[in-house]
PDB file of N, CA and C in Angstrom:
ATOM      1  N   UNK A   1      -6.370 -23.701  83.960  1.00  0.00           N
ATOM      2  CA  UNK A   1      -6.449 -22.508  84.639  1.00  0.00           C
ATOM      3  C   UNK A   1      -5.416 -21.853  84.969  1.00  0.00           C
ATOM      4  N   UNK A   2      -4.747 -20.821  85.207  1.00  0.00           N
ATOM      5  CA  UNK A   2      -3.869 -19.759  85.434  1.00  0.00           C
ATOM      6  C   UNK A   2      -4.244 -19.453  87.069  1.00  0.00           C
ATOM      7  N   UNK A   3      -3.469 -19.901  87.670  1.00  0.00           N
ATOM      8  CA  UNK A   3      -3.542 -18.916  89.020  1.00  0.00           C
ATOM      9  C   UNK A   3      -2.867 -17.544  89.312  1.00  0.00           C
ATOM     10  N   UNK A   4      -2.925 -17.232  90.076  1.00  0.00           N
ATOM     11  CA  UNK A   4      -2.348 -15.873  90.670  1.00  0.00           C
ATOM     12  C   UNK A   4      -1.424 -15.467  90.453  1.00  0.00           C
ATOM     13  N   UNK A   5      -0.246 -16.931  91.089  1.00  0.00           N
ATOM     14  CA  UNK A   5       1.170 -17.028  91.101  1.00  0.00           C
ATOM     15  C   UNK A   5       1.483 -17.166  89.598  1.00  0.00           C
ATOM     16  N   UNK A   6       0.585 -17.868  88.630  1.00  0.00           N
ATOM     17  CA  UNK A   6       1.222 -17.191  87.350  1.00  0.00           C
ATOM     18  C   UNK A   6       1.008 -16.233  86.749  1.00  0.00           C
ATOM     19  N   UNK A   7      -0.131 -15.557  87.153  1.00  0.00           N
ATOM     20  CA  UNK A   7      -0.365 -13.780  86.162  1.00  0.00           C
ATOM     21  C   UNK A   7       1.223 -13.281  87.120  1.00  0.00           C
ATOM     22  N   UNK A   8       0.940 -12.969  89.011  1.00  0.00           N
ATOM     23  CA  UNK A   8       2.086 -12.519  88.778  1.00  0.00           C
ATOM     24  C   UNK A   8       3.186 -12.302  88.700  1.00  0.00           C
ATOM     25  N   UNK A   9       3.932 -14.042  88.539  1.00  0.00           N
ATOM     26  CA  UNK A   9       5.214 -14.482  87.795  1.00  0.00           C
ATOM     27  C   UNK A   9       5.404 -13.572  86.566  1.00  0.00           C
ATOM     28  N   UNK A  10       4.409 -14.234  85.491  1.00  0.00           N
ATOM     29  CA  UNK A  10       4.537 -13.535  84.450  1.00  0.00           C
ATOM     30  C   UNK A  10       4.945 -12.137  83.935  1.00  0.00           C
ATOM     31  N   UNK A  11       3.818 -11.522  84.963  1.00  0.00           N
ATOM     32  CA  UNK A  11       4.049  -9.760  85.128  1.00  0.00           C
ATOM     33  C   UNK A  11       5.351  -9.301  85.843  1.00  0.00           C
ATOM     34  N   UNK A  12       5.892 -10.103  86.481  1.00  0.00           N
ATOM     35  CA  UNK A  12       7.235  -9.462  86.886  1.00  0.00           C
ATOM     36  C   UNK A  12       8.934  -9.883  86.013  1.00  0.00           C
ATOM     37  N   UNK A  13       8.419 -10.751  85.174  1.00  0.00           N
ATOM     38  CA  UNK A  13       9.518 -10.631  83.980  1.00  0.00           C
ATOM     39  C   UNK A  13       9.465  -9.742  82.834  1.00  0.00           C
ATOM     40  N   UNK A  14      10.611  -9.420  82.956  1.00  0.00           N
ATOM     41  CA  UNK A  14      10.739  -8.262  82.141  1.00  0.00           C
ATOM     42  C   UNK A  14      10.864  -8.907  80.206  1.00  0.00           C
ATOM     43  N   UNK A  15      10.043  -7.338  80.088  1.00  0.00           N
ATOM     44  CA  UNK A  15       9.472  -8.044  78.400  1.00  0.00           C
ATOM     45  C   UNK A  15      10.595  -7.950  77.592  1.00  0.00           C
ATOM     46  N   UNK A  16      10.965  -9.537  77.102  1.00  0.00           N
ATOM     47  CA  UNK A  16      12.220  -9.396  75.812  1.00  0.00           C
ATOM     48  C   UNK A  16      11.893  -8.668  75.283  1.00  0.00           C
ATOM     49  N   UNK A  17      13.439  -7.682  74.366  1.00  0.00           N
ATOM     50  CA  UNK A  17      13.236  -6.465  73.709  1.00  0.00           C
ATOM     51  C   UNK A  17      13.019  -7.222  72.050  1.00  0.00           C
ATOM     52  N   UNK A  18      12.419  -6.385  71.437  1.00  0.00           N
ATOM     53  CA  UNK A  18      12.481  -7.067  70.321  1.00  0.00           C
ATOM     54  C   UNK A  18      13.396  -7.092  69.121  1.00  0.00           C
ATOM     55  N   UNK A  19      13.580  -8.079  68.538  1.00  0.00           N
ATOM     56  CA  UNK A  19      14.839  -7.694  67.643  1.00  0.00           C
ATOM     57  C   UNK A  19      14.986  -7.139  66.684  1.00  0.00           C
ATOM     58  N   UNK A  20      15.685  -6.752  66.458  1.00  0.00           N
ATOM     59  CA  UNK A  20      16.244  -6.259  64.712  1.00  0.00           C
ATOM     60  C   UNK A  20      15.404  -6.580  63.933  1.00  0.00           C
ATOM     61  N   UNK A  21      15.075  -5.799  63.464  1.00  0.00           N
ATOM     62  CA  UNK A  21      14.391  -6.727  62.008  1.00  0.00           C
ATOM     63  C   UNK A  21      14.984  -6.197  60.951  1.00  0.00           C
ATOM     64  N   UNK A  22      15.414  -7.367  59.963  1.00  0.00           N
ATOM     65  CA  UNK A  22      16.395  -6.972  58.638  1.00  0.00           C
ATOM     66  C   UNK A  22      15.234  -6.896  57.976  1.00  0.00           C
ATOM     67  N   UNK A  23      14.937  -5.613  57.609  1.00  0.00           N
ATOM     68  CA  UNK A  23      14.716  -5.008  56.568  1.00  0.00           C
ATOM     69  C   UNK A  23      14.752  -5.485  55.201  1.00  0.00           C
ATOM     70  N   UNK A  24      16.545  -5.242  54.554  1.00  0.00           N
ATOM     71  CA  UNK A  24      16.663  -5.634  53.609  1.00  0.00           C
ATOM     72  C   UNK A  24      16.321  -7.095  53.380  1.00  0.00           C
ATOM     73  N   UNK A  25      16.421  -7.643  54.310  1.00  0.00           N
ATOM     74  CA  UNK A  25      16.315  -9.307  53.851  1.00  0.00           C
ATOM     75  C   UNK A  25      14.687  -9.375  53.568  1.00  0.00           C
ATOM     76  N   UNK A  26      14.151  -8.991  54.478  1.00  0.00           N
ATOM     77  CA  UNK A  26      12.699  -8.989  54.321  1.00  0.00           C
ATOM     78  C   UNK A  26      12.186  -8.696  52.980  1.00  0.00           C
ATOM     79  N   UNK A  27      12.830  -7.521  52.257  1.00  0.00           N
ATOM     80  CA  UNK A  27      12.692  -6.742  51.158  1.00  0.00           C
ATOM     81  C   UNK A  27      12.652  -7.489  49.932  1.00  0.00           C
ATOM     82  N   UNK A  28      14.100  -8.429  50.370  1.00  0.00           N
ATOM     83  CA  UNK A  28      14.121  -9.332  48.494  1.00  0.00           C
ATOM     84  C   UNK A  28      13.598 -10.180  48.729  1.00  0.00           C
ATOM     85  N   UNK A  29      13.327 -11.362  50.362  1.00  0.00           N
ATOM     86  CA  UNK A  29      11.786 -12.083  50.320  1.00  0.00           C
ATOM     87  C   UNK A  29      10.944 -11.940  49.630  1.00  0.00           C
ATOM     88  N   UNK A  30      10.179 -11.145  49.531  1.00  0.00           N
ATOM     89  CA  UNK A  30       9.225 -10.222  49.481  1.00  0.00           C
ATOM     90  C   UNK A  30       8.979 -10.238  47.993  1.00  0.00           C
ATOM     91  N   UNK A  31      10.552  -9.566  47.284  1.00  0.00           N
ATOM     92  CA  UNK A  31      10.568  -9.515  46.163  1.00  0.00           C
ATOM     93  C   UNK A  31      10.586 -10.742  44.823  1.00  0.00           C
ATOM     94  N   UNK A  32      11.019 -11.613  45.811  1.00  0.00           N
ATOM     95  CA  UNK A  32      11.372 -13.360  45.371  1.00  0.00           C
ATOM     96  C   UNK A  32       9.837 -14.143  45.228  1.00  0.00           C
ATOM     97  N   UNK A  33       9.024 -13.621  46.370  1.00  0.00           N
ATOM     98  CA  UNK A  33       8.059 -13.998  46.725  1.00  0.00           C
ATOM     99  C   UNK A  33       6.929 -13.448  45.371  1.00  0.00           C
ATOM    100  N   UNK A  34       7.126 -12.226  44.948  1.00  0.00           N
ATOM    101  CA  UNK A  34       6.088 -11.497  44.225  1.00  0.00           C
ATOM    102  C   UNK A  34       6.535 -12.054  43.186  1.00  0.00           C
ATOM    103  N   UNK A  35       8.079 -12.151  42.439  1.00  0.00           N
ATOM    104  CA  UNK A  35       8.156 -13.080  41.203  1.00  0.00           C
ATOM    105  C   UNK A  35       7.599 -13.972  41.070  1.00  0.00           C
ATOM    106  N   UNK A  36       8.070 -15.057  41.650  1.00  0.00           N
ATOM    107  CA  UNK A  36       7.234 -16.416  41.736  1.00  0.00           C
ATOM    108  C   UNK A  36       6.005 -16.104  41.264  1.00  0.00           C
ATOM    109  N   UNK A  37       5.380 -15.483  41.964  1.00  0.00           N
ATOM    110  CA  UNK A  37       3.937 -15.913  42.104  1.00  0.00           C
ATOM    111  C   UNK A  37       3.717 -14.938  40.404  1.00  0.00           C
ATOM    112  N   UNK A  38       4.100 -14.403  40.253  1.00  0.00           N
ATOM    113  CA  UNK A  38       3.622 -13.484  38.798  1.00  0.00           C
ATOM    114  C   UNK A  38       4.123 -14.517  37.697  1.00  0.00           C
ATOM    115  N   UNK A  39       5.099 -15.854  37.879  1.00  0.00           N
ATOM    116  CA  UNK A  39       5.887 -16.773  37.003  1.00  0.00           C
ATOM    117  C   UNK A  39       4.509 -17.382  37.002  1.00  0.00           C
ATOM    118  N   UNK A  40       4.103 -17.909  38.290  1.00  0.00           N
ATOM    119  CA  UNK A  40       3.315 -18.943  38.612  1.00  0.00           C
ATOM    120  C   UNK A  40       1.700 -18.593  37.477  1.00  0.00           C
ATOM    121  N   UNK A  41       1.466 -17.102  37.473  1.00  0.00           N
ATOM    122  CA  UNK A  41       0.453 -16.550  37.333  1.00  0.00           C
ATOM    123  C   UNK A  41       0.037 -16.439  35.650  1.00  0.00           C
ATOM    124  N   UNK A  42       1.603 -16.173  35.298  1.00  0.00           N
ATOM    125  CA  UNK A  42       1.601 -16.243  33.582  1.00  0.00           C
ATOM    126  C   UNK A  42       1.189 -17.930  33.107  1.00  0.00           C
ATOM    127  N   UNK A  43       2.511 -19.092  33.647  1.00  0.00           N
ATOM    128  CA  UNK A  43       1.884 -19.961  33.738  1.00  0.00           C
ATOM    129  C   UNK A  43       0.359 -20.645  33.396  1.00  0.00           C
ATOM    130  N   UNK A  44      -0.174 -20.515  34.233  1.00  0.00           N
ATOM    131  CA  UNK A  44      -1.422 -20.942  34.665  1.00  0.00           C
ATOM    132  C   UNK A  44      -2.129 -20.132  33.459  1.00  0.00           C
ATOM    133  N   UNK A  45      -1.904 -19.042  33.050  1.00  0.00           N
ATOM    134  CA  UNK A  45      -2.741 -18.071  31.854  1.00  0.00           C
ATOM    135  C   UNK A  45      -2.429 -18.816  30.716  1.00  0.00           C
ATOM    136  N   UNK A  46      -1.072 -18.898  30.543  1.00  0.00           N
ATOM    137  CA  UNK A  46      -0.884 -19.580  29.318  1.00  0.00           C
ATOM    138  C   UNK A  46      -1.642 -20.979  29.363  1.00  0.00           C
ATOM    139  N   UNK A  47      -1.412 -21.824  30.176  1.00  0.00           N
ATOM    140  CA  UNK A  47      -1.838 -23.359  30.145  1.00  0.00           C
ATOM    141  C   UNK A  47      -3.681 -23.131  30.321  1.00  0.00           C
ATOM    142  N   UNK A  48      -4.124 -22.255  30.364  1.00  0.00           N
ATOM    143  CA  UNK A  48      -5.861 -22.005  30.322  1.00  0.00           C
ATOM    144  C   UNK A  48      -6.122 -21.886  29.226  1.00  0.00           C
ATOM    145  N   UNK A  49      -5.162 -20.733  28.133  1.00  0.00           N
ATOM    146  CA  UNK A  49      -5.605 -20.693  26.884  1.00  0.00           C
ATOM    147  C   UNK A  49      -5.258 -21.461  25.998  1.00  0.00           C
ATOM    148  N   UNK A  50      -3.720 -22.380  26.615  1.00  0.00           N
ATOM    149  CA  UNK A  50      -3.743 -23.476  25.736  1.00  0.00           C
ATOM    150  C   UNK A  50      -4.844 -24.798  25.478  1.00  0.00           C
ATOM    151  N   UNK A  51      -5.505 -24.830  26.543  1.00  0.00           N
ATOM    152  CA  UNK A  51      -6.429 -25.999  26.554  1.00  0.00           C
ATOM    153  C   UNK A  51      -7.913 -25.566  26.253  1.00  0.00           C
ATOM    154  N   UNK A  52      -8.197 -24.205  26.337  1.00  0.00           N
ATOM    155  CA  UNK A  52      -9.146 -23.308  25.681  1.00  0.00           C
ATOM    156  C   UNK A  52      -9.109 -23.278  24.098  1.00  0.00           C
ATOM    157  N   UNK A  53      -7.825 -23.074  23.507  1.00  0.00           N
ATOM    158  CA  UNK A  53      -8.066 -22.891  22.144  1.00  0.00           C
ATOM    159  C   UNK A  53      -7.833 -25.013  21.725  1.00  0.00           C
ATOM    160  N   UNK A  54      -7.231 -25.726  22.724  1.00  0.00           N
ATOM    161  CA  UNK A  54      -7.511 -26.861  21.625  1.00  0.00           C
ATOM    162  C   UNK A  54      -8.924 -27.484  22.401  1.00  0.00           C
ATOM    163  N   UNK A  55      -9.415 -27.152  23.338  1.00  0.00           N
ATOM    164  CA  UNK A  55     -10.877 -27.471  23.015  1.00  0.00           C
ATOM    165  C   UNK A  55     -11.754 -26.820  21.696  1.00  0.00           C
ATOM    166  N   UNK A  56     -11.794 -25.772  21.927  1.00  0.00           N
ATOM    167  CA  UNK A  56     -11.920 -24.718  20.520  1.00  0.00           C
ATOM    168  C   UNK A  56     -11.603 -25.385  19.114  1.00  0.00           C
ATOM    169  N   UNK A  57     -11.014 -26.013  19.091  1.00  0.00           N
ATOM    170  CA  UNK A  57     -10.544 -27.020  17.737  1.00  0.00           C
ATOM    171  C   UNK A  57     -10.867 -28.086  18.150  1.00  0.00           C
ATOM    172  N   UNK A  58     -11.049 -29.154  18.770  1.00  0.00           N
ATOM    173  CA  UNK A  58     -12.046 -30.213  18.917  1.00  0.00           C
ATOM    174  C   UNK A  58     -12.988 -30.216  18.767  1.00  0.00           C
ATOM    175  N   UNK A  59     -14.036 -28.831  19.321  1.00  0.00           N
ATOM    176  CA  UNK A  59     -15.309 -29.079  18.588  1.00  0.00           C
ATOM    177  C   UNK A  59     -15.914 -28.961  17.461  1.00  0.00           C
ATOM    178  N   UNK A  60     -14.173 -27.665  16.811  1.00  0.00           N
ATOM    179  CA  UNK A  60     -14.464 -27.600  15.270  1.00  0.00           C
ATOM    180  C   UNK A  60     -14.900 -29.078  14.133  1.00  0.00           C
ATOM    181  N   UNK A  61     -13.728 -29.602  14.514  1.00  0.00           N
ATOM    182  CA  UNK A  61     -13.185 -30.809  14.374  1.00  0.00           C
ATOM    183  C   UNK A  61     -14.273 -31.985  14.284  1.00  0.00           C
ATOM    184  N   UNK A  62     -14.887 -31.764  15.643  1.00  0.00           N
ATOM    185  CA  UNK A  62     -15.871 -32.575  16.006  1.00  0.00           C
ATOM    186  C   UNK A  62     -17.304 -32.383  15.280  1.00  0.00           C
ATOM    187  N   UNK A  63     -17.434 -31.009  14.757  1.00  0.00           N
ATOM    188  CA  UNK A  63     -18.691 -30.692  13.999  1.00  0.00           C
ATOM    189  C   UNK A  63     -18.501 -30.713  12.845  1.00  0.00           C
ATOM    190  N   UNK A  64     -17.299 -31.461  12.178  1.00  0.00           N
ATOM    191  CA  UNK A  64     -17.431 -31.868  10.762  1.00  0.00           C
ATOM    192  C   UNK A  64     -16.732 -30.968   9.738  1.00  0.00           C
ATOM    193  N   UNK A  65     -16.256 -30.048  10.633  1.00  0.00           N
ATOM    194  CA  UNK A  65     -15.388 -28.475   9.892  1.00  0.00           C
ATOM    195  C   UNK A  65     -14.627 -29.397   9.170  1.00  0.00           C
ATOM    196  N   UNK A  66     -13.824 -28.517   8.160  1.00  0.00           N
ATOM    197  CA  UNK A  66     -12.361 -28.968   7.607  1.00  0.00           C
ATOM    198  C   UNK A  66     -11.713 -27.548   7.033  1.00  0.00           C
ATOM    199  N   UNK A  67     -12.291 -26.499   7.769  1.00  0.00           N
ATOM    200  CA  UNK A  67     -11.198 -25.412   7.546  1.00  0.00           C
ATOM    201  C   UNK A  67     -10.778 -25.139   9.057  1.00  0.00           C
ATOM    202  N   UNK A  68     -10.844 -26.149  10.093  1.00  0.00           N
ATOM    203  CA  UNK A  68     -10.458 -25.578  11.739  1.00  0.00           C
ATOM    204  C   UNK A  68      -9.512 -25.250  11.850  1.00  0.00           C
ATOM    205  N   UNK A  69      -8.226 -25.358  10.984  1.00  0.00           N
ATOM    206  CA  UNK A  69      -6.515 -24.826  11.248  1.00  0.00           C
ATOM    207  C   UNK A  69      -6.487 -24.345   9.895  1.00  0.00           C
ATOM    208  N   UNK A  70      -6.442 -23.126  10.383  1.00  0.00           N
ATOM    209  CA  UNK A  70      -5.811 -22.247   9.205  1.00  0.00           C
ATOM    210  C   UNK A  70      -3.686 -22.827   8.910  1.00  0.00           C
ATOM    211  N   UNK A  71      -3.672 -22.709   7.514  1.00  0.00           N
ATOM    212  CA  UNK A  71      -2.732 -23.376   7.150  1.00  0.00           C
ATOM    213  C   UNK A  71      -2.095 -21.965   6.497  1.00  0.00           C
ATOM    214  N   UNK A  72      -0.786 -21.686   6.591  1.00  0.00           N
ATOM    215  CA  UNK A  72      -0.071 -20.227   6.110  1.00  0.00           C
ATOM    216  C   UNK A  72       0.432 -20.537   4.971  1.00  0.00           C
ATOM    217  N   UNK A  73      -0.185 -19.737   4.204  1.00  0.00           N
ATOM    218  CA  UNK A  73       0.133 -19.663   2.757  1.00  0.00           C
ATOM    219  C   UNK A  73       1.031 -18.605   2.064  1.00  0.00           C
ATOM    220  N   UNK A  74       2.096 -18.818   1.244  1.00  0.00           N
ATOM    221  CA  UNK A  74       2.741 -17.326   0.746  1.00  0.00           C
ATOM    222  C   UNK A  74       1.651 -16.130   0.541  1.00  0.00           C
ATOM    223  N   UNK A  75       1.965 -14.787   0.478  1.00  0.00           N
ATOM    224  CA  UNK A  75       1.117 -13.569   0.109  1.00  0.00           C
ATOM    225  C   UNK A  75       0.988 -13.981  -1.260  1.00  0.00           C
ATOM    226  N   UNK A  76       0.249 -13.075  -2.230  1.00  0.00           N
ATOM    227  CA  UNK A  76      -0.447 -13.365  -3.263  1.00  0.00           C
ATOM    228  C   UNK A  76       0.919 -13.372  -4.355  1.00  0.00           C
ATOM    229  N   UNK A  77       1.228 -12.274  -4.041  1.00  0.00           N
ATOM    230  CA  UNK A  77       2.544 -11.585  -4.970  1.00  0.00           C
ATOM    231  C   UNK A  77       3.643 -12.793  -4.980  1.00  0.00           C
ATOM    232  N   UNK A  78       4.469 -14.039  -4.179  1.00  0.00           N
ATOM    233  CA  UNK A  78       4.858 -14.675  -3.992  1.00  0.00           C
ATOM    234  C   UNK A  78       4.697 -15.621  -4.760  1.00  0.00           C
ATOM    235  N   UNK A  79       3.321 -15.831  -5.056  1.00  0.00           N
ATOM    236  CA  UNK A  79       3.457 -16.902  -5.587  1.00  0.00           C
ATOM    237  C   UNK A  79       3.575 -17.003  -7.507  1.00  0.00           C
ATOM    238  N   UNK A  80       3.599 -15.643  -7.674  1.00  0.00           N
ATOM    239  CA  UNK A  80       3.543 -14.574  -9.045  1.00  0.00           C
ATOM    240  C   UNK A  80       4.514 -15.635  -9.261  1.00  0.00           C
ATOM    241  N   UNK A  81       5.736 -14.876  -8.459  1.00  0.00           N
ATOM    242  CA  UNK A  81       7.270 -14.803  -8.690  1.00  0.00           C
ATOM    243  C   UNK A  81       7.720 -16.865  -9.542  1.00  0.00           C
ATOM    244  N   UNK A  82       7.005 -17.591  -8.768  1.00  0.00           N
ATOM    245  CA  UNK A  82       7.347 -18.969  -9.082  1.00  0.00           C
ATOM    246  C   UNK A  82       7.058 -19.174 -10.304  1.00  0.00           C
TER     247      UNK A  82
END
């Protein structure tokens, strides 16, 4: 518990002046943090999408279907040129 002397001593001390804030540095740090969070969000989004696609393909294969993955084929006109 604080005594009366402690309170009067702290009241007599001058308040320290606030340091000047370097707003340019704060803006830079905030920009870097925002970019990092955006990249992290994109990575998480890509990972979730990849896992979801893989689970969808796995369910398709486990159900016994054979057309789970589309195979790229040339357009109809390109086959006639062969």
